[in-house]
C-alpha atoms as a PDB file:
ATOM      1  CA  MET A   1       0.000   0.000   0.000  1.00  0.00           C
ATOM      2  CA  LEU A   2       1.452   3.342  -1.080  1.00  0.00           C
ATOM      3  CA  LYS A   3       1.550   6.150   1.464  1.00  0.00           C
ATOM      4  CA  ALA A   4      -0.753   9.093   0.778  1.00  0.00           C
ATOM      5  CA  PHE A   5       1.565  11.709   2.281  1.00  0.00           C
ATOM      6  CA  HIS A   6       4.897  12.304   3.995  1.00  0.00           C
ATOM      7  CA  LYS A   7       3.715  15.170   6.187  1.00  0.00           C
ATOM      8  CA  GLU A   8       0.024  15.556   6.869  1.00  0.00           C
ATOM      9  CA  GLY A   9      -1.910  18.715   6.082  1.00  0.00           C
ATOM     10  CA  ILE A  10       0.322  20.293   3.413  1.00  0.00           C
ATOM     11  CA  PHE A  11       0.534  20.284  -0.366  1.00  0.00           C
ATOM     12  CA  GLU A  12       3.198  17.770  -1.337  1.00  0.00           C
ATOM     13  CA  ALA A  13       4.399  17.332  -4.908  1.00  0.00           C
ATOM     14  CA  GLY A  14       5.811  13.973  -5.903  1.00  0.00           C
ATOM     15  CA  VAL A  15       8.583  14.353  -8.489  1.00  0.00           C
ATOM     16  CA  ASP A  16      10.158  11.721 -10.724  1.00  0.00           C
ATOM     17  CA  GLU A  17      11.891  11.383 -14.082  1.00  0.00           C
ATOM     18  CA  ALA A  18      12.074   8.924 -16.969  1.00  0.00           C
ATOM     19  CA  GLY A  19      14.744   8.288 -19.571  1.00  0.00           C
ATOM     20  CA  ARG A  20      17.929   8.917 -17.637  1.00  0.00           C
ATOM     21  CA  GLY A  21      19.595   5.760 -18.955  1.00  0.00           C
ATOM     22  CA  CYS A  22      18.567   6.118 -22.593  1.00  0.00           C
ATOM     23  CA  LEU A  23      20.856   6.634 -25.567  1.00  0.00           C
ATOM     24  CA  ALA A  24      18.318   8.756 -27.431  1.00  0.00           C
ATOM     25  CA  GLY A  25      15.498  11.157 -26.740  1.00  0.00           C
ATOM     26  CA  PRO A  26      14.854  13.640 -23.952  1.00  0.00           C
ATOM     27  CA  VAL A  27      14.770  13.092 -20.224  1.00  0.00           C
ATOM     28  CA  VAL A  28      11.250  13.774 -18.975  1.00  0.00           C
ATOM     29  CA  ALA A  29      10.144  14.708 -15.465  1.00  0.00           C
ATOM     30  CA  ALA A  30       6.753  15.079 -13.851  1.00  0.00           C
ATOM     31  CA  ALA A  31       5.479  16.693 -10.661  1.00  0.00           C
ATOM     32  CA  VAL A  32       2.128  15.715  -9.170  1.00  0.00           C
ATOM     33  CA  ILE A  33       0.134  16.983  -6.207  1.00  0.00           C
ATOM     34  CA  LEU A  34      -2.510  14.465  -5.150  1.00  0.00           C
ATOM     35  CA  SER A  35      -5.301  14.706  -2.633  1.00  0.00           C
ATOM     36  CA  PRO A  36      -4.533  12.637   0.495  1.00  0.00           C
ATOM     37  CA  ASP A  37      -7.624  10.541  -0.219  1.00  0.00           C
ATOM     38  CA  PHE A  38      -6.573   9.614  -3.766  1.00  0.00           C
ATOM     39  CA  TYR A  39      -6.321   5.873  -4.306  1.00  0.00           C
ATOM     40  CA  HIS A  40      -6.185   3.586  -7.298  1.00  0.00           C
ATOM     41  CA  PRO A  41      -5.359  -0.122  -7.061  1.00  0.00           C
ATOM     42  CA  LEU A  42      -3.149  -0.034 -10.170  1.00  0.00           C
ATOM     43  CA  LEU A  43      -0.966   2.837  -9.003  1.00  0.00           C
ATOM     44  CA  ASN A  44       2.640   1.907  -8.304  1.00  0.00           C
ATOM     45  CA  ASP A  45       6.181   2.614  -9.467  1.00  0.00           C
ATOM     46  CA  SER A  46       5.889   2.830 -13.274  1.00  0.00           C
ATOM     47  CA  LYS A  47       8.513   0.084 -13.663  1.00  0.00           C
ATOM     48  CA  LYS A  48       6.174  -2.285 -11.825  1.00  0.00           C
ATOM     49  CA  VAL A  49       3.109  -1.360 -13.874  1.00  0.00           C
ATOM     50  CA  SER A  50       2.359  -2.781 -17.330  1.00  0.00           C
ATOM     51  CA  GLU A  51       2.298  -0.452 -20.316  1.00  0.00           C
ATOM     52  CA  LYS A  52      -1.461  -0.968 -20.682  1.00  0.00           C
ATOM     53  CA  ASP A  53      -2.080  -0.074 -17.041  1.00  0.00           C
ATOM     54  CA  ARG A  54       0.204   2.967 -17.218  1.00  0.00           C
ATOM     55  CA  TYR A  55      -1.991   4.388 -19.974  1.00  0.00           C
ATOM     56  CA  ILE A  56      -5.114   3.565 -17.969  1.00  0.00           C
ATOM     57  CA  LEU A  57      -3.670   5.433 -15.004  1.00  0.00           C
ATOM     58  CA  ARG A  58      -2.485   8.541 -16.844  1.00  0.00           C
ATOM     59  CA  PRO A  59      -5.875  10.200 -17.496  1.00  0.00           C
ATOM     60  CA  ILE A  60      -7.071   9.193 -14.031  1.00  0.00           C
ATOM     61  CA  ILE A  61      -4.062  10.921 -12.481  1.00  0.00           C
ATOM     62  CA  GLU A  62      -4.469  13.986 -14.687  1.00  0.00           C
ATOM     63  CA  GLU A  63      -8.178  14.323 -13.883  1.00  0.00           C
ATOM     64  CA  SER A  64      -7.823  13.617 -10.154  1.00  0.00           C
ATOM     65  CA  ALA A  65      -4.636  15.491  -9.299  1.00  0.00           C
ATOM     66  CA  ILE A  66      -4.813  18.843  -7.554  1.00  0.00           C
ATOM     67  CA  SER A  67      -2.061  19.904  -9.943  1.00  0.00           C
ATOM     68  CA  TRP A  68       0.378  18.204 -12.299  1.00  0.00           C
ATOM     69  CA  ALA A  69       3.023  19.192 -14.820  1.00  0.00           C
ATOM     70  CA  VAL A  70       5.452  17.481 -17.199  1.00  0.00           C
ATOM     71  CA  ALA A  71       8.747  18.866 -18.532  1.00  0.00           C
ATOM     72  CA  GLU A  72      11.456  17.616 -20.848  1.00  0.00           C
ATOM     73  CA  VAL A  73      15.131  18.396 -21.472  1.00  0.00           C
ATOM     74  CA  CYS A  74      16.445  17.680 -24.960  1.00  0.00           C
ATOM     75  CA  PRO A  75      19.494  15.592 -25.907  1.00  0.00           C
ATOM     76  CA  ALA A  76      21.593  18.658 -26.798  1.00  0.00           C
ATOM     77  CA  ARG A  77      21.026  20.083 -23.334  1.00  0.00           C
ATOM     78  CA  ILE A  78      21.793  16.680 -21.795  1.00  0.00           C
ATOM     79  CA  ASP A  79      25.120  16.674 -23.644  1.00  0.00           C
ATOM     80  CA  GLU A  80      25.801  20.216 -22.468  1.00  0.00           C
ATOM     81  CA  ILE A  81      25.190  19.781 -18.724  1.00  0.00           C
ATOM     82  CA  ASN A  82      25.244  15.943 -18.311  1.00  0.00           C
ATOM     83  CA  ILE A  83      22.322  13.622 -17.691  1.00  0.00           C
ATOM     84  CA  LEU A  84      22.167  14.012 -13.920  1.00  0.00           C
ATOM     85  CA  ASN A  85      21.949  17.793 -14.092  1.00  0.00           C
ATOM     86  CA  ALA A  86      19.506  17.527 -16.994  1.00  0.00           C
ATOM     87  CA  SER A  87      17.288  15.297 -14.862  1.00  0.00           C
ATOM     88  CA  PHE A  88      17.380  17.858 -12.070  1.00  0.00           C
ATOM     89  CA  GLU A  89      16.608  20.626 -14.564  1.00  0.00           C
ATOM     90  CA  ALA A  90      13.575  18.780 -15.913  1.00  0.00           C
ATOM     91  CA  MET A  91      12.344  18.173 -12.362  1.00  0.00           C
ATOM     92  CA  ASN A  92      12.744  21.845 -11.458  1.00  0.00           C
ATOM     93  CA  ILE A  93      10.885  22.965 -14.601  1.00  0.00           C
ATOM     94  CA  ALA A  94       8.044  20.531 -13.867  1.00  0.00           C
ATOM     95  CA  VAL A  95       7.733  21.765 -10.273  1.00  0.00           C
ATOM     96  CA  MET A  96       7.754  25.414 -11.328  1.00  0.00           C
ATOM     97  CA  SER A  97       5.053  24.641 -13.911  1.00  0.00           C
ATOM     98  CA  LEU A  98       2.564  23.465 -11.277  1.00  0.00           C
ATOM     99  CA  SER A  99      -0.547  25.636 -11.031  1.00  0.00           C
ATOM    100  CA  ILE A 100      -0.512  25.375  -7.237  1.00  0.00           C
ATOM    101  CA  ALA A 101       2.603  25.972  -5.171  1.00  0.00           C
ATOM    102  CA  PRO A 102       3.625  22.895  -3.189  1.00  0.00           C
ATOM    103  CA  GLU A 103       4.905  23.193   0.363  1.00  0.00           C
ATOM    104  CA  LEU A 104       7.166  20.160   0.066  1.00  0.00           C
ATOM    105  CA  LEU A 105       8.756  18.278  -2.822  1.00  0.00           C
ATOM    106  CA  LEU A 106       9.128  14.522  -2.543  1.00  0.00           C
ATOM    107  CA  ILE A 107      11.974  13.679  -4.916  1.00  0.00           C
ATOM    108  CA  ASP A 108      12.493  10.128  -6.114  1.00  0.00           C
ATOM    109  CA  GLY A 109      16.148   9.266  -5.577  1.00  0.00           C
ATOM    110  CA  ASN A 110      18.996  10.270  -3.289  1.00  0.00           C
ATOM    111  CA  ARG A 111      20.113  13.582  -4.845  1.00  0.00           C
ATOM    112  CA  PHE A 112      18.516  16.788  -6.097  1.00  0.00           C
ATOM    113  CA  LYS A 113      19.680  20.291  -6.973  1.00  0.00           C
ATOM    114  CA  ASN A 114      16.727  22.383  -5.902  1.00  0.00           C
ATOM    115  CA  LYS A 115      16.345  25.609  -7.915  1.00  0.00           C
ATOM    116  CA  THR A 116      12.879  26.357  -6.516  1.00  0.00           C
ATOM    117  CA  ASP A 117      11.758  28.129  -3.346  1.00  0.00           C
ATOM    118  CA  PHE A 118      10.177  24.941  -1.981  1.00  0.00           C
ATOM    119  CA  HIS A 119      11.611  22.569   0.578  1.00  0.00           C
ATOM    120  CA  HIS A 120      12.407  19.081  -0.634  1.00  0.00           C
ATOM    121  CA  GLU A 121      13.189  15.630   0.664  1.00  0.00           C
ATOM    122  CA  CYS A 122      14.869  12.893  -1.343  1.00  0.00           C
ATOM    123  CA  ILE A 123      13.222   9.495  -1.017  1.00  0.00           C
ATOM    124  CA  ILE A 124      15.179   6.484  -2.264  1.00  0.00           C
ATOM    125  CA  LYS A 125      12.819   4.273  -4.289  1.00  0.00           C
ATOM    126  CA  GLY A 126      10.107   6.778  -3.449  1.00  0.00           C
ATOM    127  CA  ASP A 127       8.046   5.791  -6.485  1.00  0.00           C
ATOM    128  CA  GLY A 128       7.257   2.566  -4.655  1.00  0.00           C
ATOM    129  CA  ILE A 129       6.487   4.325  -1.361  1.00  0.00           C
ATOM    130  CA  TYR A 130       4.417   7.469  -1.989  1.00  0.00           C
ATOM    131  CA  SER A 131       1.372   7.812  -4.236  1.00  0.00           C
ATOM    132  CA  SER A 132       2.391  11.250  -5.513  1.00  0.00           C
ATOM    133  CA  ILE A 133       5.836  10.053  -6.628  1.00  0.00           C
ATOM    134  CA  ALA A 134       4.325   6.938  -8.219  1.00  0.00           C
ATOM    135  CA  ALA A 135       1.865   9.165 -10.086  1.00  0.00           C
ATOM    136  CA  ALA A 136       4.739  11.359 -11.275  1.00  0.00           C
ATOM    137  CA  SER A 137       6.605   8.277 -12.476  1.00  0.00           C
ATOM    138  CA  ILE A 138       3.562   7.195 -14.503  1.00  0.00           C
ATOM    139  CA  LEU A 139       3.216  10.596 -16.173  1.00  0.00           C
ATOM    140  CA  ALA A 140       6.930  10.944 -16.890  1.00  0.00           C
ATOM    141  CA  LYS A 141       7.147   7.457 -18.363  1.00  0.00           C
ATOM    142  CA  THR A 142       4.042   7.652 -20.569  1.00  0.00           C
ATOM    143  CA  TYR A 143       4.806  11.146 -21.870  1.00  0.00           C
ATOM    144  CA  ARG A 144       8.354  10.129 -22.723  1.00  0.00           C
ATOM    145  CA  ASP A 145       7.179   6.924 -24.396  1.00  0.00           C
ATOM    146  CA  ASP A 146       4.779   8.976 -26.520  1.00  0.00           C
ATOM    147  CA  LEU A 147       7.630  11.266 -27.577  1.00  0.00           C
ATOM    148  CA  MET A 148       9.736   8.279 -28.613  1.00  0.00           C
ATOM    149  CA  LEU A 149       6.819   6.824 -30.588  1.00  0.00           C
ATOM    150  CA  GLN A 150       6.564  10.124 -32.461  1.00  0.00           C
ATOM    151  CA  LEU A 151      10.300  10.104 -33.201  1.00  0.00           C
ATOM    152  CA  HIS A 152      10.052   6.509 -34.391  1.00  0.00           C
ATOM    153  CA  GLU A 153       7.812   7.629 -37.253  1.00  0.00           C
ATOM    154  CA  SER A 154      10.796   9.262 -38.974  1.00  0.00           C
ATOM    155  CA  HIS A 155      13.508   6.957 -37.615  1.00  0.00           C
ATOM    156  CA  HIS A 156      12.154   3.434 -38.025  1.00  0.00           C
ATOM    157  CA  GLN A 157      15.549   1.759 -38.159  1.00  0.00           C
ATOM    158  CA  TYR A 158      16.211   2.315 -34.439  1.00  0.00           C
ATOM    159  CA  ALA A 159      13.015   0.543 -33.241  1.00  0.00           C
ATOM    160  CA  TRP A 160      12.235   3.301 -30.762  1.00  0.00           C
ATOM    161  CA  HIS A 161       8.630   2.110 -30.717  1.00  0.00           C
ATOM    162  CA  LYS A 162       9.958  -0.919 -28.826  1.00  0.00           C
ATOM    163  CA  ASN A 163      13.135   0.147 -27.012  1.00  0.00           C
ATOM    164  CA  LYS A 164      12.092   3.780 -26.378  1.00  0.00           C
ATOM    165  CA  GLY A 165      15.713   4.836 -26.794  1.00  0.00           C
ATOM    166  CA  TYR A 166      17.166   2.506 -24.181  1.00  0.00           C
ATOM    167  CA  PRO A 167      20.483   0.729 -24.933  1.00  0.00           C
ATOM    168  CA  THR A 168      19.194  -2.583 -26.235  1.00  0.00           C
ATOM    169  CA  LYS A 169      21.329  -4.763 -28.484  1.00  0.00           C
ATOM    170  CA  GLU A 170      18.996  -3.981 -31.394  1.00  0.00           C
ATOM    171  CA  HIS A 171      19.371  -0.250 -30.806  1.00  0.00           C
ATOM    172  CA  ARG A 172      23.176  -0.406 -30.668  1.00  0.00           C
ATOM    173  CA  ILE A 173      23.324  -2.485 -33.865  1.00  0.00           C
ATOM    174  CA  ALA A 174      21.129   0.093 -35.627  1.00  0.00           C
ATOM    175  CA  ILE A 175      23.444   2.898 -34.509  1.00  0.00           C
ATOM    176  CA  GLU A 176      26.412   0.956 -35.830  1.00  0.00           C
ATOM    177  CA  LEU A 177      24.677   0.377 -39.191  1.00  0.00           C
ATOM    178  CA  PHE A 178      23.007   3.755 -39.717  1.00  0.00           C
ATOM    179  CA  GLY A 179      24.940   6.145 -37.496  1.00  0.00           C
ATOM    180  CA  ALA A 180      23.557   8.413 -34.803  1.00  0.00           C
ATOM    181  CA  THR A 181      20.825  11.013 -35.215  1.00  0.00           C
ATOM    182  CA  THR A 182      20.510  14.422 -33.617  1.00  0.00           C
ATOM    183  CA  HIS A 183      18.155  12.732 -31.139  1.00  0.00           C
ATOM    184  CA  HIS A 184      21.010  10.612 -29.793  1.00  0.00           C
ATOM    185  CA  ARG A 185      23.032  11.759 -26.806  1.00  0.00           C
ATOM    186  CA  LYS A 186      26.491  12.120 -28.278  1.00  0.00           C
ATOM    187  CA  THR A 187      28.227  12.177 -24.884  1.00  0.00           C
ATOM    188  CA  PHE A 188      26.871   8.696 -24.138  1.00  0.00           C
ATOM    189  CA  ARG A 189      28.639   5.493 -25.123  1.00  0.00           C
ATOM    190  CA  LEU A 190      26.426   4.698 -28.098  1.00  0.00           C
ATOM    191  CA  LEU A 191      28.368   1.621 -29.133  1.00  0.00           C
ATOM    192  CA  ALA A 192      29.830  -0.964 -26.802  1.00  0.00           C
ATOM    193  CA  ASN A 193      33.368  -0.301 -28.094  1.00  0.00           C
ATOM    194  CA  SER A 194      33.276   3.368 -29.099  1.00  0.00           C
ATOM    195  CA  ASP A 195      32.494   6.813 -27.694  1.00  0.00           C
ATOM    196  CA  GLN A 196      32.390   8.703 -30.971  1.00  0.00           C
ATOM    197  CA  LEU A 197      29.966   8.549 -33.867  1.00  0.00           C
ATOM    198  CA  ASP A 198      29.255  10.943 -36.703  1.00  0.00           C
ATOM    199  CA  LEU A 199      25.916  12.688 -36.414  1.00  0.00           C
ATOM    200  CA  PHE A 200      23.692  13.269 -39.395  1.00  0.00           C
END
């Protein structure tokens, strides 16, 4: 059973990201403020929820949340500031895009560079502990997956409709055969034995 809140009686925003370990595409973060009485039996850490159930949950979260927001940071920015800082940047943008100011941020993970005026607490594996973080993980994951499906339409050879930009064997073979696109993160090790690839 997920916990409804960390501190009772205040607006808490759960914050999580998706796509940190990918070779291609943006990193996406979401922030969600839920009512303490929100409950759905399917809600959990997005990694523990099937794709079908994630898309069932998304509109329920969006309609039920007190406030929610999603933000993305592009591959070029990831290459500029590194993936960890890009994840923090996406989280900060999502939080600052909320229509209601939270009094506490519940951050999934053990580190966060807070650029907002709100207090925060880092919760290791928080997406499996608090409903608001789990809800944020669902939104971040589904919005990022949708972005990768859109990119797949013009880049079929990389099978982003299946791997969503993650470093699968199929994805690495496609990079080796066809090169890297501008959607790839050029500072990442795109091939198992090489750091550098020409972009086109």
